[in-house]
Amino acid sequence: MQNFMNRLRYQLARWMSGRYGGRDVLNFVFLGVSILLDILFMIFRIPILTFASLIPLGIAIFRTFSRNIQKRYDENRKFVNFFKNLAALRTHHIYRCPKCRQKIRIPRNVNEKQMIAILTTVFADHPGDTPVMIYRQNGTVMKTGPGKGVSPSRELKRVLTEMAGRDNVKINV
């Protein structure tokens, strides 16, 4: 009996070689939705729920046995990133520059006046000719005047990254 099980395990492993395997967040969500629809069918006895539960189950099975590993990986990555971005909306304001389309994230717990006061002291430590643009919550853009620019450097980028996060700092040289 053990010899049969070992042979079966080996054949299954050989057959699954080169397939996605499907142990990722997106497959677990599909399986969870399928189980939830089955539970709802048991409670409410609506026949369409049984058929509806087969759709996410079929997608999960398809993804598990798929040989296009890169595409399945990309699907899962996009799904996870979508929900990470939704979570970021709770903790940050996300703005987009109308000219360069760059996204800027500013923490919600810091008010605008505090942030500008902090940035002013940081900019004073790195004087130079490069103008600074700050995108405000109301959509307006503040730009430093002549002679009040910064000198772009690794140190300035490091300080700004510590304050606002890596995704919120863009330095064009």
C-alpha atoms as a PDB file:
ATOM      1  CA  MET A   1       0.000   0.000   0.000  1.00  0.00           C
ATOM      2  CA  GLN A   2       2.812   2.409   0.869  1.00  0.00           C
ATOM      3  CA  ASN A   3       4.508   1.650  -2.462  1.00  0.00           C
ATOM      4  CA  PHE A   4       1.269   2.551  -4.274  1.00  0.00           C
ATOM      5  CA  MET A   5       0.991   5.849  -2.363  1.00  0.00           C
ATOM      6  CA  ASN A   6       4.609   6.774  -3.093  1.00  0.00           C
ATOM      7  CA  ARG A   7       4.114   6.010  -6.788  1.00  0.00           C
ATOM      8  CA  LEU A   8       0.895   8.069  -6.833  1.00  0.00           C
ATOM      9  CA  ARG A   9       2.640  10.986  -5.086  1.00  0.00           C
ATOM     10  CA  TYR A  10       5.503  10.843  -7.597  1.00  0.00           C
ATOM     11  CA  GLN A  11       3.131  10.781 -10.591  1.00  0.00           C
ATOM     12  CA  LEU A  12       1.130  13.711  -9.208  1.00  0.00           C
ATOM     13  CA  ALA A  13       4.330  15.703  -8.614  1.00  0.00           C
ATOM     14  CA  ARG A  14       5.457  14.963 -12.171  1.00  0.00           C
ATOM     15  CA  TRP A  15       2.104  16.005 -13.594  1.00  0.00           C
ATOM     16  CA  MET A  16       2.098  19.267 -11.596  1.00  0.00           C
ATOM     17  CA  SER A  17       5.634  20.119 -12.722  1.00  0.00           C
ATOM     18  CA  GLY A  18       5.547  23.360 -14.725  1.00  0.00           C
ATOM     19  CA  ARG A  19       2.096  24.313 -13.448  1.00  0.00           C
ATOM     20  CA  TYR A  20       1.214  27.306 -11.282  1.00  0.00           C
ATOM     21  CA  GLY A  21      -0.010  25.397  -8.228  1.00  0.00           C
ATOM     22  CA  GLY A  22      -2.309  28.211  -7.152  1.00  0.00           C
ATOM     23  CA  ARG A  23      -1.288  28.747  -3.541  1.00  0.00           C
ATOM     24  CA  ASP A  24      -1.737  32.508  -3.566  1.00  0.00           C
ATOM     25  CA  VAL A  25      -4.089  35.158  -2.194  1.00  0.00           C
ATOM     26  CA  LEU A  26      -6.267  35.403  -5.296  1.00  0.00           C
ATOM     27  CA  ASN A  27      -6.959  31.657  -5.375  1.00  0.00           C
ATOM     28  CA  PHE A  28      -7.833  31.662  -1.679  1.00  0.00           C
ATOM     29  CA  VAL A  29     -10.271  34.522  -2.316  1.00  0.00           C
ATOM     30  CA  PHE A  30     -11.905  32.593  -5.183  1.00  0.00           C
ATOM     31  CA  LEU A  31     -12.214  29.499  -2.983  1.00  0.00           C
ATOM     32  CA  GLY A  32     -13.577  31.581  -0.096  1.00  0.00           C
ATOM     33  CA  VAL A  33     -16.215  33.191  -2.330  1.00  0.00           C
ATOM     34  CA  SER A  34     -17.208  29.752  -3.611  1.00  0.00           C
ATOM     35  CA  ILE A  35     -17.593  28.385  -0.071  1.00  0.00           C
ATOM     36  CA  LEU A  36     -19.512  31.505   1.020  1.00  0.00           C
ATOM     37  CA  LEU A  37     -21.972  31.100  -1.865  1.00  0.00           C
ATOM     38  CA  ASP A  38     -22.477  27.436  -0.923  1.00  0.00           C
ATOM     39  CA  ILE A  39     -23.181  28.400   2.693  1.00  0.00           C
ATOM     40  CA  LEU A  40     -25.659  31.036   1.521  1.00  0.00           C
ATOM     41  CA  PHE A  41     -27.357  28.358  -0.599  1.00  0.00           C
ATOM     42  CA  MET A  42     -27.701  26.120   2.469  1.00  0.00           C
ATOM     43  CA  ILE A  43     -29.302  28.963   4.415  1.00  0.00           C
ATOM     44  CA  PHE A  44     -31.602  30.494   1.790  1.00  0.00           C
ATOM     45  CA  ARG A  45     -32.104  27.547  -0.626  1.00  0.00           C
ATOM     46  CA  ILE A  46     -31.750  29.682  -3.742  1.00  0.00           C
ATOM     47  CA  PRO A  47     -30.611  27.281  -6.514  1.00  0.00           C
ATOM     48  CA  ILE A  48     -28.728  29.930  -8.510  1.00  0.00           C
ATOM     49  CA  LEU A  49     -26.240  30.275  -5.637  1.00  0.00           C
ATOM     50  CA  THR A  50     -25.016  26.713  -6.199  1.00  0.00           C
ATOM     51  CA  PHE A  51     -24.299  27.442  -9.851  1.00  0.00           C
ATOM     52  CA  ALA A  52     -22.784  30.808  -8.964  1.00  0.00           C
ATOM     53  CA  SER A  53     -20.413  29.085  -6.525  1.00  0.00           C
ATOM     54  CA  LEU A  54     -19.056  26.941  -9.360  1.00  0.00           C
ATOM     55  CA  ILE A  55     -17.722  29.989 -11.242  1.00  0.00           C
ATOM     56  CA  PRO A  56     -15.075  31.088  -8.695  1.00  0.00           C
ATOM     57  CA  LEU A  57     -14.290  27.427  -7.996  1.00  0.00           C
ATOM     58  CA  GLY A  58     -13.694  26.823 -11.710  1.00  0.00           C
ATOM     59  CA  ILE A  59     -11.472  29.892 -11.947  1.00  0.00           C
ATOM     60  CA  ALA A  60      -9.440  28.709  -8.939  1.00  0.00           C
ATOM     61  CA  ILE A  61      -9.010  25.244 -10.474  1.00  0.00           C
ATOM     62  CA  PHE A  62      -8.042  26.754 -13.829  1.00  0.00           C
ATOM     63  CA  ARG A  63      -5.448  28.991 -12.159  1.00  0.00           C
ATOM     64  CA  THR A  64      -4.069  26.069 -10.148  1.00  0.00           C
ATOM     65  CA  PHE A  65      -3.438  23.859 -13.189  1.00  0.00           C
ATOM     66  CA  SER A  66      -2.394  26.662 -15.549  1.00  0.00           C
ATOM     67  CA  ARG A  67       1.003  26.411 -17.227  1.00  0.00           C
ATOM     68  CA  ASN A  68       1.201  30.182 -17.760  1.00  0.00           C
ATOM     69  CA  ILE A  69       2.923  30.828 -14.443  1.00  0.00           C
ATOM     70  CA  GLN A  70       3.940  34.434 -15.164  1.00  0.00           C
ATOM     71  CA  LYS A  71       0.401  35.495 -16.061  1.00  0.00           C
ATOM     72  CA  ARG A  72      -1.048  33.905 -12.895  1.00  0.00           C
ATOM     73  CA  TYR A  73       1.671  35.564 -10.827  1.00  0.00           C
ATOM     74  CA  ASP A  74       0.880  38.959 -12.403  1.00  0.00           C
ATOM     75  CA  GLU A  75      -2.860  38.509 -11.737  1.00  0.00           C
ATOM     76  CA  ASN A  76      -2.172  37.833  -8.068  1.00  0.00           C
ATOM     77  CA  ARG A  77       0.272  40.761  -7.788  1.00  0.00           C
ATOM     78  CA  LYS A  78      -2.259  43.200  -9.299  1.00  0.00           C
ATOM     79  CA  PHE A  79      -4.979  41.905  -6.974  1.00  0.00           C
ATOM     80  CA  VAL A  80      -2.801  42.308  -3.868  1.00  0.00           C
ATOM     81  CA  ASN A  81      -1.571  45.768  -4.953  1.00  0.00           C
ATOM     82  CA  PHE A  82      -5.158  46.927  -5.523  1.00  0.00           C
ATOM     83  CA  PHE A  83      -6.062  46.175  -1.908  1.00  0.00           C
ATOM     84  CA  LYS A  84      -2.801  47.659  -0.604  1.00  0.00           C
ATOM     85  CA  ASN A  85      -3.690  50.906  -2.408  1.00  0.00           C
ATOM     86  CA  LEU A  86      -7.158  50.843  -0.844  1.00  0.00           C
ATOM     87  CA  ALA A  87      -5.578  50.459   2.584  1.00  0.00           C
ATOM     88  CA  ALA A  88      -3.225  53.377   1.847  1.00  0.00           C
ATOM     89  CA  LEU A  89      -6.235  55.647   1.279  1.00  0.00           C
ATOM     90  CA  ARG A  90      -7.059  55.333   4.987  1.00  0.00           C
ATOM     91  CA  THR A  91      -3.663  56.514   6.155  1.00  0.00           C
ATOM     92  CA  HIS A  92      -2.589  58.920   3.383  1.00  0.00           C
ATOM     93  CA  HIS A  93      -3.931  61.585   1.076  1.00  0.00           C
ATOM     94  CA  ILE A  94      -2.971  60.710  -2.479  1.00  0.00           C
ATOM     95  CA  TYR A  95      -2.579  63.579  -4.934  1.00  0.00           C
ATOM     96  CA  ARG A  96      -1.562  63.643  -8.580  1.00  0.00           C
ATOM     97  CA  CYS A  97       0.376  66.420 -10.250  1.00  0.00           C
ATOM     98  CA  PRO A  98      -1.692  67.700 -13.201  1.00  0.00           C
ATOM     99  CA  LYS A  99       1.431  68.326 -15.311  1.00  0.00           C
ATOM    100  CA  CYS A 100       3.723  65.347 -14.732  1.00  0.00           C
ATOM    101  CA  ARG A 101       1.039  62.916 -13.439  1.00  0.00           C
ATOM    102  CA  GLN A 102       3.312  61.987 -10.503  1.00  0.00           C
ATOM    103  CA  LYS A 103       1.447  60.616  -7.463  1.00  0.00           C
ATOM    104  CA  ILE A 104       2.228  62.098  -4.065  1.00  0.00           C
ATOM    105  CA  ARG A 105       1.196  60.522  -0.748  1.00  0.00           C
ATOM    106  CA  ILE A 106       0.987  62.664   2.369  1.00  0.00           C
ATOM    107  CA  PRO A 107       0.120  61.134   5.763  1.00  0.00           C
ATOM    108  CA  ARG A 108      -3.337  62.098   7.016  1.00  0.00           C
ATOM    109  CA  ASN A 109      -2.292  62.624  10.647  1.00  0.00           C
ATOM    110  CA  VAL A 110      -0.008  65.584   9.784  1.00  0.00           C
ATOM    111  CA  ASN A 111      -1.773  68.812   8.971  1.00  0.00           C
ATOM    112  CA  GLU A 112      -0.601  70.990   6.122  1.00  0.00           C
ATOM    113  CA  LYS A 113       0.858  73.819   8.216  1.00  0.00           C
ATOM    114  CA  GLN A 114       2.952  71.394  10.269  1.00  0.00           C
ATOM    115  CA  MET A 115       4.236  69.686   7.127  1.00  0.00           C
ATOM    116  CA  ILE A 116       5.170  73.015   5.461  1.00  0.00           C
ATOM    117  CA  ALA A 117       6.966  74.222   8.612  1.00  0.00           C
ATOM    118  CA  ILE A 118       8.986  71.019   8.775  1.00  0.00           C
ATOM    119  CA  LEU A 119       9.800  71.148   5.051  1.00  0.00           C
ATOM    120  CA  THR A 120      10.913  74.790   5.325  1.00  0.00           C
ATOM    121  CA  THR A 121      13.520  73.898   7.953  1.00  0.00           C
ATOM    122  CA  VAL A 122      14.724  70.937   5.877  1.00  0.00           C
ATOM    123  CA  PHE A 123      15.001  73.098   2.750  1.00  0.00           C
ATOM    124  CA  ALA A 124      16.931  75.752   4.719  1.00  0.00           C
ATOM    125  CA  ASP A 125      19.573  73.103   5.532  1.00  0.00           C
ATOM    126  CA  HIS A 126      20.036  72.346   1.804  1.00  0.00           C
ATOM    127  CA  PRO A 127      20.115  75.746   0.036  1.00  0.00           C
ATOM    128  CA  GLY A 128      20.423  75.873  -3.731  1.00  0.00           C
ATOM    129  CA  ASP A 129      18.859  77.018  -6.998  1.00  0.00           C
ATOM    130  CA  THR A 130      16.492  74.103  -7.749  1.00  0.00           C
ATOM    131  CA  PRO A 131      12.873  75.179  -7.153  1.00  0.00           C
ATOM    132  CA  VAL A 132      10.619  73.064  -4.920  1.00  0.00           C
ATOM    133  CA  MET A 133       6.975  72.322  -5.687  1.00  0.00           C
ATOM    134  CA  ILE A 134       4.561  71.260  -2.926  1.00  0.00           C
ATOM    135  CA  TYR A 135       1.197  69.885  -3.956  1.00  0.00           C
ATOM    136  CA  ARG A 136      -1.484  70.952  -1.470  1.00  0.00           C
ATOM    137  CA  GLN A 137      -4.664  69.148  -0.436  1.00  0.00           C
ATOM    138  CA  ASN A 138      -6.942  71.609  -2.211  1.00  0.00           C
ATOM    139  CA  GLY A 139      -5.191  70.919  -5.533  1.00  0.00           C
ATOM    140  CA  THR A 140      -3.075  74.063  -5.656  1.00  0.00           C
ATOM    141  CA  VAL A 141       0.689  73.998  -6.069  1.00  0.00           C
ATOM    142  CA  MET A 142       3.112  75.976  -3.932  1.00  0.00           C
ATOM    143  CA  LYS A 143       6.447  76.794  -5.533  1.00  0.00           C
ATOM    144  CA  THR A 144       9.437  78.272  -3.771  1.00  0.00           C
ATOM    145  CA  GLY A 145      10.441  81.739  -4.861  1.00  0.00           C
ATOM    146  CA  PRO A 146      13.740  82.785  -6.442  1.00  0.00           C
ATOM    147  CA  GLY A 147      16.714  82.166  -4.187  1.00  0.00           C
ATOM    148  CA  LYS A 148      14.747  79.808  -1.938  1.00  0.00           C
ATOM    149  CA  GLY A 149      15.390  76.573  -3.794  1.00  0.00           C
ATOM    150  CA  VAL A 150      17.311  73.510  -2.683  1.00  0.00           C
ATOM    151  CA  SER A 151      20.440  71.707  -3.698  1.00  0.00           C
ATOM    152  CA  PRO A 152      19.327  68.186  -4.697  1.00  0.00           C
ATOM    153  CA  SER A 153      21.464  65.613  -2.927  1.00  0.00           C
ATOM    154  CA  ARG A 154      21.306  62.115  -1.537  1.00  0.00           C
ATOM    155  CA  GLU A 155      21.139  63.538   1.977  1.00  0.00           C
ATOM    156  CA  LEU A 156      18.115  65.701   1.102  1.00  0.00           C
ATOM    157  CA  LYS A 157      16.401  62.744  -0.534  1.00  0.00           C
ATOM    158  CA  ARG A 158      17.109  60.580   2.521  1.00  0.00           C
ATOM    159  CA  VAL A 159      15.657  63.158   4.915  1.00  0.00           C
ATOM    160  CA  LEU A 160      12.552  63.723   2.792  1.00  0.00           C
ATOM    161  CA  THR A 161      12.070  59.969   2.356  1.00  0.00           C
ATOM    162  CA  GLU A 162      12.204  59.457   6.125  1.00  0.00           C
ATOM    163  CA  MET A 163       9.586  62.182   6.588  1.00  0.00           C
ATOM    164  CA  ALA A 164       7.126  61.442   3.826  1.00  0.00           C
ATOM    165  CA  GLY A 165       7.903  57.918   2.649  1.00  0.00           C
ATOM    166  CA  ARG A 166       9.769  56.688  -0.426  1.00  0.00           C
ATOM    167  CA  ASP A 167       6.709  56.907  -2.696  1.00  0.00           C
ATOM    168  CA  ASN A 168       6.144  60.585  -1.862  1.00  0.00           C
ATOM    169  CA  VAL A 169       9.505  62.036  -2.861  1.00  0.00           C
ATOM    170  CA  LYS A 170      10.591  62.782  -6.399  1.00  0.00           C
ATOM    171  CA  ILE A 171      13.768  64.686  -7.138  1.00  0.00           C
ATOM    172  CA  ASN A 172      14.508  65.691 -10.728  1.00  0.00           C
ATOM    173  CA  VAL A 173      18.096  66.738 -11.311  1.00  0.00           C
END
